[in-house]
Amino acid sequence: MDSATLTAAQTMKRKQSASAAVLKRLRKNKTAMVGLIVFAILALSAVFAPVLTPYGYATMDLKIAFQGPSTAHWFGTDDLGRDILTRILYGGRYSLTIGIISVAFALVVGVIIGTIAGYFGGMADNLIMRFLDIFQSIPGLLLTIAISAALGSGFDKTVLALSISRIPAFARVLRASIMRVRDQEYLEAAESIGCGKFRMIMRYVLPNSLAPLIVEATMGVANTVLTAASLSYIGLGVQPPTPEWGAMLSGAKGYIRDYSYMLTFPGLFIALTVLCLNMLGDGLRDALDPKLKN
């Protein structure tokens, strides 16, 4: 085995050891594991909604409208006689998908912008940061509402509005992380042997800078689910009859005094999802913290 192959094998082994150590610390965090398990159950329930419920989310039966929780309808029925549990399960598909896709899109753009600003610095860094300052001078929710109002309601437009508002945060987190590692000796060694900048960024800079971004993205999904529900509640997000959790709250707000269960159950699912993701994010932050390494 030549020296290059041996070095590559040693590097791979160290990366696997580091990943195993992170997973081990994460498994020891009971709070994070509870959050992960409950969130996995919520996600799987949304995926397998047709198997878990015999009703259709758009099936109406006015004869059973405003029926309270019962053995036939565990969470009751709404003003059109639709099963609320069914709509919540199907609504999880939209709410969770919006959160994940929005964060994924913002993450990709944020990584590109943050890498350019953090690694190259100079004029590029100044221009990018001043541009992001303009975005972040506007409160996040207000910016999302403004973009959503300009684009209109709908699933794809909601995703785009939520994505744009989250890009500056991801870019700043990655920029700060890259600035901490860009002057490390291993990067100087890689540059001295003729390693190109793109290869250095992809192989050495990003892998050693992504830990804070992973935590930010996990908690970002929770915040995005909550913001998406808020947009739907005020009529700017996903609109009825699509069974999105925020849209369900908006449709039931007129019955809060007499049929409070119509708002209680969708609200509980939103709160539970956000809580689980925040618990998981806290656990990831602790597991990825170098100060906690044994």
Protein backbone atom coordinates (compact mmCIF):
# COMPACT_ATOMS: atom_id res chain seq x y z
CA MET A 1 0.00 0.00 0.00
CA ASP A 2 1.54 3.35 -1.04
CA SER A 3 1.69 6.42 1.20
CA ALA A 4 -1.16 8.24 -0.56
CA THR A 5 -3.53 5.31 -0.15
CA LEU A 6 -2.48 4.88 3.47
CA THR A 7 -3.08 8.57 4.20
CA ALA A 8 -6.53 8.44 2.58
CA ALA A 9 -7.43 5.36 4.62
CA GLN A 10 -6.28 7.03 7.85
CA THR A 11 -8.28 10.16 7.03
CA MET A 12 -11.40 8.08 6.33
CA LYS A 13 -10.93 6.19 9.60
CA ARG A 14 -10.64 9.44 11.57
CA LYS A 15 -13.83 10.78 9.96
CA GLN A 16 -15.68 7.57 10.79
CA SER A 17 -14.40 7.71 14.38
CA ALA A 18 -15.53 11.34 14.72
CA SER A 19 -18.99 10.51 13.31
CA ALA A 20 -19.30 7.52 15.65
CA ALA A 21 -18.38 9.71 18.61
CA VAL A 22 -21.02 12.28 17.67
CA LEU A 23 -23.69 9.58 17.32
CA LYS A 24 -22.67 8.05 20.63
CA ARG A 25 -23.03 11.38 22.44
CA LEU A 26 -26.36 11.99 20.71
CA ARG A 27 -27.70 8.59 21.78
CA LYS A 28 -26.75 9.37 25.38
CA ASN A 29 -28.87 12.53 25.28
CA LYS A 30 -32.29 11.22 26.31
CA THR A 31 -34.05 14.50 25.54
CA ALA A 32 -32.73 14.55 21.99
CA MET A 33 -33.64 10.91 21.42
CA VAL A 34 -37.19 11.48 22.66
CA GLY A 35 -37.49 14.41 20.26
CA LEU A 36 -36.11 12.33 17.39
CA ILE A 37 -38.41 9.37 18.07
CA VAL A 38 -41.56 11.48 18.44
CA PHE A 39 -40.73 13.48 15.30
CA ALA A 40 -40.11 10.23 13.40
CA ILE A 41 -43.53 8.97 14.53
CA LEU A 42 -45.18 12.20 13.34
CA ALA A 43 -43.42 12.00 9.98
CA LEU A 44 -44.28 8.33 9.47
CA SER A 45 -47.89 8.99 10.45
CA ALA A 46 -48.09 11.61 7.73
CA VAL A 47 -46.50 9.30 5.16
CA PHE A 48 -48.78 6.38 5.98
CA ALA A 49 -51.94 8.45 6.54
CA PRO A 50 -54.00 6.42 4.00
CA VAL A 51 -53.24 3.28 6.01
CA LEU A 52 -53.93 4.80 9.43
CA THR A 53 -57.33 6.31 8.69
CA PRO A 54 -60.33 5.01 6.72
CA TYR A 55 -61.55 8.49 5.79
CA GLY A 56 -60.53 10.87 3.03
CA TYR A 57 -59.28 14.30 4.10
CA ALA A 58 -61.76 16.01 1.74
CA THR A 59 -64.73 13.68 2.41
CA MET A 60 -67.66 15.75 3.71
CA ASP A 61 -70.75 14.59 5.58
CA LEU A 62 -72.86 17.47 6.91
CA LYS A 63 -74.94 15.07 8.99
CA ILE A 64 -72.01 14.57 11.38
CA ALA A 65 -70.70 18.16 11.33
CA PHE A 66 -69.43 19.53 14.68
CA GLN A 67 -69.34 16.06 16.20
CA GLY A 68 -67.04 15.93 19.24
CA PRO A 69 -64.29 13.36 19.77
CA SER A 70 -65.66 9.81 19.72
CA THR A 71 -64.60 6.26 18.93
CA ALA A 72 -65.60 6.79 15.28
CA HIS A 73 -63.82 10.15 15.02
CA TRP A 74 -61.08 10.37 17.64
CA PHE A 75 -60.54 14.11 17.20
CA GLY A 76 -64.11 14.91 16.16
CA THR A 77 -65.35 16.43 12.91
CA ASP A 78 -65.25 19.98 11.58
CA ASP A 79 -67.95 22.30 10.25
CA LEU A 80 -68.22 20.28 7.03
CA GLY A 81 -68.26 16.87 8.68
CA ARG A 82 -64.65 16.04 7.76
CA ASP A 83 -62.65 13.85 10.13
CA ILE A 84 -60.15 16.09 11.96
CA LEU A 85 -57.65 13.31 12.71
CA THR A 86 -57.51 12.43 9.02
CA ARG A 87 -56.95 16.05 8.05
CA ILE A 88 -54.21 16.39 10.66
CA LEU A 89 -52.39 13.30 9.38
CA TYR A 90 -52.58 14.46 5.78
CA GLY A 91 -51.81 18.01 6.89
CA GLY A 92 -48.54 16.77 8.32
CA ARG A 93 -47.44 16.02 4.77
CA TYR A 94 -47.83 19.66 3.79
CA SER A 95 -46.56 21.26 7.01
CA LEU A 96 -43.47 19.07 7.35
CA THR A 97 -42.71 19.17 3.62
CA ILE A 98 -42.89 22.95 3.63
CA GLY A 99 -40.50 23.10 6.58
CA ILE A 100 -37.97 20.64 5.15
CA ILE A 101 -37.97 21.90 1.54
CA SER A 102 -37.79 25.56 2.59
CA VAL A 103 -34.83 24.92 4.87
CA ALA A 104 -33.11 22.72 2.26
CA PHE A 105 -33.36 25.42 -0.41
CA ALA A 106 -32.23 28.15 1.97
CA LEU A 107 -29.40 25.91 3.15
CA VAL A 108 -28.03 25.37 -0.37
CA VAL A 109 -28.06 29.09 -1.17
CA GLY A 110 -26.76 29.98 2.29
CA VAL A 111 -23.84 27.54 1.95
CA ILE A 112 -22.81 29.06 -1.38
CA ILE A 113 -23.03 32.64 -0.11
CA GLY A 114 -21.47 31.89 3.28
CA THR A 115 -18.58 29.96 1.72
CA ILE A 116 -17.71 32.78 -0.67
CA ALA A 117 -17.87 35.38 2.08
CA GLY A 118 -16.05 33.33 4.72
CA TYR A 119 -13.29 31.77 2.65
CA PHE A 120 -12.38 34.51 0.19
CA GLY A 121 -13.12 37.53 2.41
CA GLY A 122 -12.16 40.99 1.15
CA MET A 123 -14.50 42.94 -1.09
CA ALA A 124 -16.73 39.92 -1.75
CA ASP A 125 -17.24 39.45 1.99
CA ASN A 126 -18.06 43.14 2.51
CA LEU A 127 -20.56 43.28 -0.34
CA ILE A 128 -22.32 40.06 0.71
CA MET A 129 -22.51 41.04 4.37
CA ARG A 130 -23.90 44.50 3.64
CA PHE A 131 -26.50 42.95 1.35
CA LEU A 132 -27.48 40.50 4.10
CA ASP A 133 -27.60 43.37 6.61
CA ILE A 134 -30.33 44.94 4.51
CA PHE A 135 -32.34 41.71 4.61
CA GLN A 136 -31.83 41.18 8.33
CA SER A 137 -32.77 44.75 9.19
CA ILE A 138 -36.35 43.65 8.50
CA PRO A 139 -37.90 41.28 11.10
CA GLY A 140 -37.97 37.74 9.73
CA LEU A 141 -41.73 37.21 10.02
CA LEU A 142 -42.48 40.61 8.53
CA LEU A 143 -40.16 39.88 5.59
CA THR A 144 -41.84 36.52 5.03
CA ILE A 145 -45.29 38.11 5.12
CA ALA A 146 -44.20 40.80 2.63
CA ILE A 147 -42.74 38.25 0.20
CA SER A 148 -45.75 35.95 0.56
CA ALA A 149 -48.15 38.84 -0.01
CA ALA A 150 -46.25 39.81 -3.16
CA LEU A 151 -46.10 36.26 -4.53
CA GLY A 152 -49.59 35.19 -3.47
CA SER A 153 -50.83 32.11 -1.66
CA GLY A 154 -50.06 28.51 -2.57
CA PHE A 155 -47.70 25.71 -1.63
CA ASP A 156 -44.80 26.61 -3.94
CA LYS A 157 -45.04 30.34 -3.22
CA THR A 158 -45.08 29.70 0.53
CA VAL A 159 -41.96 27.55 0.23
CA LEU A 160 -40.16 30.28 -1.73
CA ALA A 161 -41.17 33.03 0.71
CA LEU A 162 -39.98 31.01 3.71
CA SER A 163 -36.73 30.05 1.97
CA ILE A 164 -35.73 33.61 1.08
CA SER A 165 -36.21 34.83 4.64
CA ARG A 166 -33.94 32.11 6.08
CA ILE A 167 -30.97 32.45 3.71
CA PRO A 168 -29.18 35.28 5.60
CA ALA A 169 -29.09 33.34 8.88
CA PHE A 170 -27.56 30.24 7.28
CA ALA A 171 -25.02 32.30 5.33
CA ARG A 172 -23.87 34.15 8.45
CA VAL A 173 -23.54 30.99 10.54
CA LEU A 174 -21.41 29.27 7.89
CA ARG A 175 -19.31 32.38 7.26
CA ALA A 176 -18.43 32.63 10.95
CA SER A 177 -17.61 28.92 11.11
CA ILE A 178 -15.38 29.07 8.01
CA MET A 179 -13.49 32.10 9.33
CA ARG A 180 -12.53 30.03 12.36
CA VAL A 181 -10.99 27.25 10.27
CA ARG A 182 -9.63 28.95 7.15
CA ASP A 183 -6.25 29.73 8.76
CA GLN A 184 -5.68 26.25 10.17
CA GLU A 185 -2.39 24.52 9.44
CA TYR A 186 -3.93 21.64 7.49
CA LEU A 187 -5.28 24.12 4.94
CA GLU A 188 -1.86 25.70 4.58
CA ALA A 189 -0.39 22.24 4.06
CA ALA A 190 -2.99 21.41 1.41
CA GLU A 191 -2.30 24.68 -0.39
CA SER A 192 1.46 24.07 -0.29
CA ILE A 193 1.11 20.82 -2.25
CA GLY A 194 -0.93 22.52 -4.96
CA CYS A 195 -4.47 21.66 -3.85
CA GLY A 196 -6.98 23.80 -5.76
CA LYS A 197 -9.32 26.16 -3.95
CA PHE A 198 -12.49 24.29 -4.96
CA ARG A 199 -11.01 20.99 -3.73
CA MET A 200 -9.86 22.61 -0.49
CA ILE A 201 -13.31 24.05 0.14
CA MET A 202 -15.18 20.82 -0.60
CA ARG A 203 -12.75 18.43 1.09
CA TYR A 204 -11.40 20.37 4.06
CA VAL A 205 -13.20 23.66 4.71
CA LEU A 206 -16.89 22.69 4.51
CA PRO A 207 -16.65 19.32 6.34
CA ASN A 208 -15.01 21.10 9.27
CA SER A 209 -17.45 24.02 9.26
CA LEU A 210 -20.88 22.43 8.89
CA ALA A 211 -21.54 21.42 12.51
CA PRO A 212 -23.10 24.77 13.58
CA LEU A 213 -25.09 24.85 10.33
CA ILE A 214 -26.56 21.39 10.98
CA VAL A 215 -27.88 22.59 14.33
CA GLU A 216 -29.20 25.81 12.79
CA ALA A 217 -30.96 23.86 10.04
CA THR A 218 -32.62 21.47 12.48
CA MET A 219 -34.03 24.30 14.54
CA GLY A 220 -34.79 26.17 11.33
CA VAL A 221 -37.22 23.44 10.28
CA ALA A 222 -39.10 23.93 13.56
CA ASN A 223 -39.27 27.70 13.09
CA THR A 224 -40.32 27.30 9.45
CA VAL A 225 -43.18 24.93 10.34
CA LEU A 226 -44.38 27.49 12.88
CA THR A 227 -44.04 30.39 10.43
CA ALA A 228 -45.83 28.43 7.67
CA ALA A 229 -48.72 27.82 10.06
CA SER A 230 -48.78 31.54 10.87
CA LEU A 231 -48.92 32.47 7.18
CA SER A 232 -51.76 30.03 6.54
CA TYR A 233 -53.60 31.35 9.60
CA ILE A 234 -53.64 34.91 8.24
CA GLY A 235 -54.54 33.77 4.73
CA LEU A 236 -51.14 34.06 3.01
CA GLY A 237 -49.91 30.47 3.03
CA VAL A 238 -51.48 27.21 1.95
CA GLN A 239 -55.22 27.70 1.62
CA PRO A 240 -58.24 25.45 2.27
CA PRO A 241 -59.30 22.82 1.39
CA THR A 242 -55.65 21.73 1.60
CA PRO A 243 -55.32 20.20 5.10
CA GLU A 244 -52.31 22.21 6.30
CA TRP A 245 -52.18 22.68 10.07
CA GLY A 246 -52.18 26.48 9.98
CA ALA A 247 -55.00 26.50 7.44
CA MET A 248 -56.99 24.20 9.73
CA LEU A 249 -56.53 26.66 12.59
CA SER A 250 -57.62 29.52 10.36
CA GLY A 251 -60.74 27.66 9.23
CA ALA A 252 -61.73 26.80 12.80
CA LYS A 253 -61.05 30.14 14.52
CA GLY A 254 -64.68 31.17 14.24
CA TYR A 255 -65.75 28.19 16.36
CA ILE A 256 -63.24 28.55 19.20
CA ARG A 257 -65.88 29.19 21.88
CA ASP A 258 -68.31 26.39 21.05
CA TYR A 259 -66.08 23.78 19.37
CA SER A 260 -62.62 24.42 20.77
CA TYR A 261 -61.42 20.91 19.88
CA MET A 262 -61.29 22.01 16.22
CA LEU A 263 -58.38 24.30 17.08
CA THR A 264 -56.90 22.33 19.97
CA PHE A 265 -55.73 19.26 18.06
CA PRO A 266 -54.04 21.01 15.09
CA GLY A 267 -52.42 23.43 17.54
CA LEU A 268 -51.10 20.54 19.64
CA PHE A 269 -49.51 18.90 16.59
CA ILE A 270 -47.80 22.16 15.63
CA ALA A 271 -46.52 22.63 19.18
CA LEU A 272 -45.38 19.01 19.46
CA THR A 273 -43.50 19.16 16.15
CA VAL A 274 -41.71 22.38 17.06
CA LEU A 275 -40.86 21.06 20.54
CA CYS A 276 -39.42 17.79 19.18
CA LEU A 277 -37.25 19.54 16.61
CA ASN A 278 -35.94 22.00 19.19
CA MET A 279 -35.11 19.12 21.54
CA LEU A 280 -33.27 17.35 18.71
CA GLY A 281 -31.47 20.56 17.76
CA ASP A 282 -30.28 21.09 21.33
CA GLY A 283 -29.01 17.52 21.40
CA LEU A 284 -27.16 17.92 18.11
CA ARG A 285 -25.55 21.12 19.37
CA ASP A 286 -24.26 19.32 22.45
CA ALA A 287 -23.11 16.29 20.46
CA LEU A 288 -21.24 18.37 17.90
CA ASP A 289 -19.60 20.66 20.46
CA PRO A 290 -15.85 19.94 20.44
CA LYS A 291 -15.63 20.92 24.11
CA LEU A 292 -17.67 17.84 25.01
CA LYS A 293 -15.34 15.37 23.28
CA ASN A 294 -13.78 12.80 25.53
